[in-house]
Amino acid sequence: MHAFLLTLALLAGDGLTEKEFDTLHAELQPPADAPWRTIPWKISLLEAQAASAREGKPIFIWAMDGHPLGCT
């Protein structure tokens, strides 16, 4: 709830203090033990291809077009 109130203050144009920003930033971080954080993601497609061939595993590609927060 605290993050929600800080976000509303920011959207209202009241701004955030550095302490409020630090609090909001900390609250919005995903847990360190989130399952997706345990996956050894590859940024390079060539690196992923090499690992795929070496390990005999498929490649999962996440691709998108447009702004990540809006519908395009």
PDB file of N, CA and C in Angstrom:
ATOM      1  N   MET A   1       0.822  -1.195   0.000  1.00  0.00           N
ATOM      2  CA  MET A   1       0.000   0.000   0.000  1.00  0.00           C
ATOM      3  C   MET A   1       0.865   1.257   0.000  1.00  0.00           C
ATOM      4  N   HIS A   2       2.002   1.180   0.686  1.00  0.00           N
ATOM      5  CA  HIS A   2       2.895   2.325   0.756  1.00  0.00           C
ATOM      6  C   HIS A   2       3.374   2.711  -0.641  1.00  0.00           C
ATOM      7  N   ALA A   3       3.732   1.718  -1.473  1.00  0.00           N
ATOM      8  CA  ALA A   3       4.188   1.987  -2.831  1.00  0.00           C
ATOM      9  C   ALA A   3       3.087   2.665  -3.636  1.00  0.00           C
ATOM     10  N   PHE A   4       1.856   2.262  -3.429  1.00  0.00           N
ATOM     11  CA  PHE A   4       0.720   2.854  -4.137  1.00  0.00           C
ATOM     12  C   PHE A   4       0.579   4.335  -3.793  1.00  0.00           C
ATOM     13  N   LEU A   5       0.679   4.663  -2.520  1.00  0.00           N
ATOM     14  CA  LEU A   5       0.548   6.055  -2.103  1.00  0.00           C
ATOM     15  C   LEU A   5       1.691   6.916  -2.633  1.00  0.00           C
ATOM     16  N   LEU A   6       2.913   6.367  -2.630  1.00  0.00           N
ATOM     17  CA  LEU A   6       4.038   7.115  -3.179  1.00  0.00           C
ATOM     18  C   LEU A   6       3.884   7.323  -4.677  1.00  0.00           C
ATOM     19  N   THR A   7       3.363   6.331  -5.357  1.00  0.00           N
ATOM     20  CA  THR A   7       3.128   6.457  -6.799  1.00  0.00           C
ATOM     21  C   THR A   7       2.081   7.516  -7.072  1.00  0.00           C
ATOM     22  N   LEU A   8       1.025   7.554  -6.281  1.00  0.00           N
ATOM     23  CA  LEU A   8      -0.003   8.585  -6.448  1.00  0.00           C
ATOM     24  C   LEU A   8       0.580   9.977  -6.226  1.00  0.00           C
ATOM     25  N   ALA A   9       1.432  10.131  -5.232  1.00  0.00           N
ATOM     26  CA  ALA A   9       2.062  11.425  -4.977  1.00  0.00           C
ATOM     27  C   ALA A   9       2.923  11.847  -6.157  1.00  0.00           C
ATOM     28  N   LEU A  10       3.620  10.898  -6.736  1.00  0.00           N
ATOM     29  CA  LEU A  10       4.460  11.197  -7.893  1.00  0.00           C
ATOM     30  C   LEU A  10       3.605  11.611  -9.088  1.00  0.00           C
ATOM     31  N   LEU A  11       2.531  10.886  -9.332  1.00  0.00           N
ATOM     32  CA  LEU A  11       1.652  11.200 -10.460  1.00  0.00           C
ATOM     33  C   LEU A  11       0.938  12.539 -10.264  1.00  0.00           C
ATOM     34  N   ALA A  12       0.702  12.904  -9.036  1.00  0.00           N
ATOM     35  CA  ALA A  12       0.026  14.170  -8.752  1.00  0.00           C
ATOM     36  C   ALA A  12       0.957  15.357  -8.962  1.00  0.00           C
ATOM     37  N   GLY A  13       2.227  15.083  -9.195  1.00  0.00           N
ATOM     38  CA  GLY A  13       3.171  16.157  -9.438  1.00  0.00           C
ATOM     39  C   GLY A  13       3.816  16.692  -8.181  1.00  0.00           C
ATOM     40  N   ASP A  14       3.575  16.038  -7.046  1.00  0.00           N
ATOM     41  CA  ASP A  14       4.175  16.484  -5.788  1.00  0.00           C
ATOM     42  C   ASP A  14       5.648  16.100  -5.711  1.00  0.00           C
ATOM     43  N   GLY A  15       6.088  15.172  -6.567  1.00  0.00           N
ATOM     44  CA  GLY A  15       7.468  14.714  -6.547  1.00  0.00           C
ATOM     45  C   GLY A  15       7.735  13.785  -5.377  1.00  0.00           C
ATOM     46  N   LEU A  16       8.912  13.271  -5.331  1.00  0.00           N
ATOM     47  CA  LEU A  16       9.322  12.369  -4.271  1.00  0.00           C
ATOM     48  C   LEU A  16      10.631  12.865  -3.678  1.00  0.00           C
ATOM     49  N   THR A  17      10.761  12.670  -2.389  1.00  0.00           N
ATOM     50  CA  THR A  17      12.058  12.938  -1.777  1.00  0.00           C
ATOM     51  C   THR A  17      12.977  11.764  -2.126  1.00  0.00           C
ATOM     52  N   GLU A  18      14.257  11.937  -1.887  1.00  0.00           N
ATOM     53  CA  GLU A  18      15.190  10.853  -2.172  1.00  0.00           C
ATOM     54  C   GLU A  18      14.877   9.633  -1.305  1.00  0.00           C
ATOM     55  N   LYS A  19      14.500   9.873  -0.066  1.00  0.00           N
ATOM     56  CA  LYS A  19      14.154   8.763   0.835  1.00  0.00           C
ATOM     57  C   LYS A  19      12.911   8.035   0.342  1.00  0.00           C
ATOM     58  N   GLU A  20      11.889   8.791  -0.093  1.00  0.00           N
ATOM     59  CA  GLU A  20      10.673   8.164  -0.617  1.00  0.00           C
ATOM     60  C   GLU A  20      10.974   7.360  -1.875  1.00  0.00           C
ATOM     61  N   PHE A  21      11.833   7.910  -2.747  1.00  0.00           N
ATOM     62  CA  PHE A  21      12.216   7.163  -3.942  1.00  0.00           C
ATOM     63  C   PHE A  21      12.903   5.863  -3.571  1.00  0.00           C
ATOM     64  N   ASP A  22      13.855   5.925  -2.636  1.00  0.00           N
ATOM     65  CA  ASP A  22      14.571   4.716  -2.221  1.00  0.00           C
ATOM     66  C   ASP A  22      13.615   3.677  -1.658  1.00  0.00           C
ATOM     67  N   THR A  23      12.637   4.131  -0.871  1.00  0.00           N
ATOM     68  CA  THR A  23      11.640   3.216  -0.308  1.00  0.00           C
ATOM     69  C   THR A  23      10.807   2.575  -1.409  1.00  0.00           C
ATOM     70  N   LEU A  24      10.317   3.394  -2.329  1.00  0.00           N
ATOM     71  CA  LEU A  24       9.498   2.895  -3.432  1.00  0.00           C
ATOM     72  C   LEU A  24      10.302   1.932  -4.299  1.00  0.00           C
ATOM     73  N   HIS A  25      11.519   2.292  -4.607  1.00  0.00           N
ATOM     74  CA  HIS A  25      12.364   1.434  -5.441  1.00  0.00           C
ATOM     75  C   HIS A  25      12.570   0.079  -4.780  1.00  0.00           C
ATOM     76  N   ALA A  26      12.851   0.074  -3.481  1.00  0.00           N
ATOM     77  CA  ALA A  26      13.064  -1.181  -2.756  1.00  0.00           C
ATOM     78  C   ALA A  26      11.800  -2.040  -2.734  1.00  0.00           C
ATOM     79  N   GLU A  27      10.637  -1.419  -2.580  1.00  0.00           N
ATOM     80  CA  GLU A  27       9.381  -2.161  -2.527  1.00  0.00           C
ATOM     81  C   GLU A  27       9.005  -2.766  -3.875  1.00  0.00           C
ATOM     82  N   LEU A  28       9.461  -2.173  -4.957  1.00  0.00           N
ATOM     83  CA  LEU A  28       9.080  -2.641  -6.292  1.00  0.00           C
ATOM     84  C   LEU A  28      10.047  -3.666  -6.876  1.00  0.00           C
ATOM     85  N   GLN A  29      11.084  -4.011  -6.150  1.00  0.00           N
ATOM     86  CA  GLN A  29      12.039  -5.008  -6.636  1.00  0.00           C
ATOM     87  C   GLN A  29      11.456  -6.407  -6.458  1.00  0.00           C
ATOM     88  N   PRO A  30      11.634  -7.268  -7.479  1.00  0.00           N
ATOM     89  CA  PRO A  30      11.157  -8.648  -7.325  1.00  0.00           C
ATOM     90  C   PRO A  30      12.018  -9.383  -6.305  1.00  0.00           C
ATOM     91  N   PRO A  31      11.473 -10.411  -5.691  1.00  0.00           N
ATOM     92  CA  PRO A  31      12.253 -11.166  -4.704  1.00  0.00           C
ATOM     93  C   PRO A  31      13.495 -11.790  -5.353  1.00  0.00           C
ATOM     94  N   ALA A  32      14.564 -11.864  -4.605  1.00  0.00           N
ATOM     95  CA  ALA A  32      15.809 -12.432  -5.121  1.00  0.00           C
ATOM     96  C   ALA A  32      15.653 -13.901  -5.493  1.00  0.00           C
ATOM     97  N   ASP A  33      14.704 -14.598  -4.862  1.00  0.00           N
ATOM     98  CA  ASP A  33      14.513 -16.018  -5.152  1.00  0.00           C
ATOM     99  C   ASP A  33      13.382 -16.268  -6.149  1.00  0.00           C
ATOM    100  N   ALA A  34      12.979 -15.245  -6.903  1.00  0.00           N
ATOM    101  CA  ALA A  34      11.940 -15.425  -7.926  1.00  0.00           C
ATOM    102  C   ALA A  34      12.425 -16.468  -8.940  1.00  0.00           C
ATOM    103  N   PRO A  35      11.573 -17.405  -9.333  1.00  0.00           N
ATOM    104  CA  PRO A  35      12.012 -18.494 -10.220  1.00  0.00           C
ATOM    105  C   PRO A  35      12.683 -18.024 -11.513  1.00  0.00           C
ATOM    106  N   TRP A  36      12.201 -16.950 -12.114  1.00  0.00           N
ATOM    107  CA  TRP A  36      12.789 -16.502 -13.377  1.00  0.00           C
ATOM    108  C   TRP A  36      14.210 -15.993 -13.214  1.00  0.00           C
ATOM    109  N   ARG A  37      14.581 -15.634 -11.973  1.00  0.00           N
ATOM    110  CA  ARG A  37      15.951 -15.166 -11.739  1.00  0.00           C
ATOM    111  C   ARG A  37      16.957 -16.320 -11.720  1.00  0.00           C
ATOM    112  N   THR A  38      16.495 -17.556 -11.607  1.00  0.00           N
ATOM    113  CA  THR A  38      17.392 -18.707 -11.567  1.00  0.00           C
ATOM    114  C   THR A  38      17.730 -19.223 -12.960  1.00  0.00           C
ATOM    115  N   ILE A  39      17.077 -18.706 -13.986  1.00  0.00           N
ATOM    116  CA  ILE A  39      17.323 -19.142 -15.360  1.00  0.00           C
ATOM    117  C   ILE A  39      18.558 -18.417 -15.899  1.00  0.00           C
ATOM    118  N   PRO A  40      19.507 -19.147 -16.476  1.00  0.00           N
ATOM    119  CA  PRO A  40      20.698 -18.496 -17.024  1.00  0.00           C
ATOM    120  C   PRO A  40      20.396 -17.850 -18.388  1.00  0.00           C
ATOM    121  N   TRP A  41      19.690 -16.723 -18.382  1.00  0.00           N
ATOM    122  CA  TRP A  41      19.281 -16.045 -19.611  1.00  0.00           C
ATOM    123  C   TRP A  41      20.496 -15.638 -20.435  1.00  0.00           C
ATOM    124  N   LYS A  42      20.353 -15.703 -21.746  1.00  0.00           N
ATOM    125  CA  LYS A  42      21.394 -15.253 -22.667  1.00  0.00           C
ATOM    126  C   LYS A  42      20.881 -13.998 -23.373  1.00  0.00           C
ATOM    127  N   ILE A  43      21.736 -13.014 -23.517  1.00  0.00           N
ATOM    128  CA  ILE A  43      21.376 -11.797 -24.225  1.00  0.00           C
ATOM    129  C   ILE A  43      21.755 -11.913 -25.698  1.00  0.00           C
ATOM    130  N   SER A  44      22.819 -12.622 -25.962  1.00  0.00           N
ATOM    131  CA  SER A  44      23.314 -12.797 -27.324  1.00  0.00           C
ATOM    132  C   SER A  44      22.658 -14.022 -27.966  1.00  0.00           C
ATOM    133  N   LEU A  45      22.066 -13.830 -29.138  1.00  0.00           N
ATOM    134  CA  LEU A  45      21.454 -14.952 -29.851  1.00  0.00           C
ATOM    135  C   LEU A  45      22.512 -15.973 -30.257  1.00  0.00           C
ATOM    136  N   LEU A  46      23.688 -15.509 -30.670  1.00  0.00           N
ATOM    137  CA  LEU A  46      24.757 -16.435 -31.056  1.00  0.00           C
ATOM    138  C   LEU A  46      25.218 -17.277 -29.873  1.00  0.00           C
ATOM    139  N   GLU A  47      25.301 -16.657 -28.705  1.00  0.00           N
ATOM    140  CA  GLU A  47      25.664 -17.397 -27.495  1.00  0.00           C
ATOM    141  C   GLU A  47      24.581 -18.424 -27.162  1.00  0.00           C
ATOM    142  N   ALA A  48      23.323 -18.032 -27.326  1.00  0.00           N
ATOM    143  CA  ALA A  48      22.210 -18.956 -27.064  1.00  0.00           C
ATOM    144  C   ALA A  48      22.228 -20.117 -28.048  1.00  0.00           C
ATOM    145  N   GLN A  49      22.520 -19.836 -29.322  1.00  0.00           N
ATOM    146  CA  GLN A  49      22.588 -20.911 -30.327  1.00  0.00           C
ATOM    147  C   GLN A  49      23.683 -21.910 -29.982  1.00  0.00           C
ATOM    148  N   ALA A  50      24.832 -21.402 -29.584  1.00  0.00           N
ATOM    149  CA  ALA A  50      25.943 -22.286 -29.225  1.00  0.00           C
ATOM    150  C   ALA A  50      25.580 -23.153 -28.018  1.00  0.00           C
ATOM    151  N   ALA A  51      24.978 -22.548 -27.003  1.00  0.00           N
ATOM    152  CA  ALA A  51      24.565 -23.303 -25.811  1.00  0.00           C
ATOM    153  C   ALA A  51      23.489 -24.319 -26.169  1.00  0.00           C
ATOM    154  N   SER A  52      22.574 -23.940 -27.046  1.00  0.00           N
ATOM    155  CA  SER A  52      21.498 -24.831 -27.476  1.00  0.00           C
ATOM    156  C   SER A  52      22.064 -26.063 -28.182  1.00  0.00           C
ATOM    157  N   ALA A  53      22.994 -25.828 -29.086  1.00  0.00           N
ATOM    158  CA  ALA A  53      23.605 -26.941 -29.818  1.00  0.00           C
ATOM    159  C   ALA A  53      24.421 -27.829 -28.878  1.00  0.00           C
ATOM    160  N   ARG A  54      25.141 -27.208 -27.968  1.00  0.00           N
ATOM    161  CA  ARG A  54      26.003 -27.936 -27.035  1.00  0.00           C
ATOM    162  C   ARG A  54      25.188 -28.799 -26.073  1.00  0.00           C
ATOM    163  N   GLU A  55      24.048 -28.248 -25.589  1.00  0.00           N
ATOM    164  CA  GLU A  55      23.253 -28.928 -24.568  1.00  0.00           C
ATOM    165  C   GLU A  55      22.061 -29.688 -25.138  1.00  0.00           C
ATOM    166  N   GLY A  56      21.795 -29.521 -26.431  1.00  0.00           N
ATOM    167  CA  GLY A  56      20.658 -30.213 -27.039  1.00  0.00           C
ATOM    168  C   GLY A  56      19.314 -29.708 -26.521  1.00  0.00           C
ATOM    169  N   LYS A  57      19.258 -28.405 -26.243  1.00  0.00           N
ATOM    170  CA  LYS A  57      18.028 -27.807 -25.717  1.00  0.00           C
ATOM    171  C   LYS A  57      17.501 -26.763 -26.701  1.00  0.00           C
ATOM    172  N   PRO A  58      16.192 -26.516 -26.680  1.00  0.00           N
ATOM    173  CA  PRO A  58      15.627 -25.496 -27.572  1.00  0.00           C
ATOM    174  C   PRO A  58      15.941 -24.082 -27.087  1.00  0.00           C
ATOM    175  N   ILE A  59      15.721 -23.109 -27.957  1.00  0.00           N
ATOM    176  CA  ILE A  59      15.901 -21.697 -27.619  1.00  0.00           C
ATOM    177  C   ILE A  59      14.525 -21.067 -27.448  1.00  0.00           C
ATOM    178  N   PHE A  60      14.350 -20.327 -26.382  1.00  0.00           N
ATOM    179  CA  PHE A  60      13.127 -19.555 -26.160  1.00  0.00           C
ATOM    180  C   PHE A  60      13.466 -18.096 -26.441  1.00  0.00           C
ATOM    181  N   ILE A  61      12.754 -17.496 -27.399  1.00  0.00           N
ATOM    182  CA  ILE A  61      13.012 -16.099 -27.746  1.00  0.00           C
ATOM    183  C   ILE A  61      11.798 -15.268 -27.364  1.00  0.00           C
ATOM    184  N   TRP A  62      12.042 -14.222 -26.599  1.00  0.00           N
ATOM    185  CA  TRP A  62      10.997 -13.271 -26.229  1.00  0.00           C
ATOM    186  C   TRP A  62      11.257 -12.012 -27.038  1.00  0.00           C
ATOM    187  N   ALA A  63      10.361 -11.712 -27.951  1.00  0.00           N
ATOM    188  CA  ALA A  63      10.529 -10.530 -28.797  1.00  0.00           C
ATOM    189  C   ALA A  63       9.241  -9.728 -28.767  1.00  0.00           C
ATOM    190  N   MET A  64       9.370  -8.422 -28.837  1.00  0.00           N
ATOM    191  CA  MET A  64       8.166  -7.587 -28.836  1.00  0.00           C
ATOM    192  C   MET A  64       8.426  -6.353 -29.678  1.00  0.00           C
ATOM    193  N   ASP A  65       7.356  -5.703 -30.020  1.00  0.00           N
ATOM    194  CA  ASP A  65       7.446  -4.484 -30.801  1.00  0.00           C
ATOM    195  C   ASP A  65       6.604  -3.429 -30.087  1.00  0.00           C
ATOM    196  N   GLY A  66       7.133  -2.257 -29.967  1.00  0.00           N
ATOM    197  CA  GLY A  66       6.378  -1.191 -29.330  1.00  0.00           C
ATOM    198  C   GLY A  66       6.830  -0.935 -27.911  1.00  0.00           C
ATOM    199  N   HIS A  67       6.130  -0.039 -27.281  1.00  0.00           N
ATOM    200  CA  HIS A  67       6.463   0.359 -25.913  1.00  0.00           C
ATOM    201  C   HIS A  67       6.044  -0.734 -24.939  1.00  0.00           C
ATOM    202  N   PRO A  68       6.890  -1.115 -23.966  1.00  0.00           N
ATOM    203  CA  PRO A  68       6.553  -2.201 -23.059  1.00  0.00           C
ATOM    204  C   PRO A  68       5.385  -1.890 -22.116  1.00  0.00           C
ATOM    205  N   LEU A  69       5.019  -0.622 -21.963  1.00  0.00           N
ATOM    206  CA  LEU A  69       3.919  -0.284 -21.055  1.00  0.00           C
ATOM    207  C   LEU A  69       2.636   0.111 -21.791  1.00  0.00           C
ATOM    208  N   GLY A  70       2.648  -0.006 -23.091  1.00  0.00           N
ATOM    209  CA  GLY A  70       1.465   0.409 -23.828  1.00  0.00           C
ATOM    210  C   GLY A  70       1.110  -0.575 -24.928  1.00  0.00           C
ATOM    211  N   CYS A  71      -0.099  -0.502 -25.386  1.00  0.00           N
ATOM    212  CA  CYS A  71      -0.543  -1.338 -26.490  1.00  0.00           C
ATOM    213  C   CYS A  71      -0.225  -0.620 -27.792  1.00  0.00           C
ATOM    214  N   THR A  72       0.455  -1.315 -28.681  1.00  0.00           N
ATOM    215  CA  THR A  72       0.772  -0.721 -29.980  1.00  0.00           C
ATOM    216  C   THR A  72       0.267  -1.605 -31.087  1.00  0.00           C
TER     217      THR A  72
END
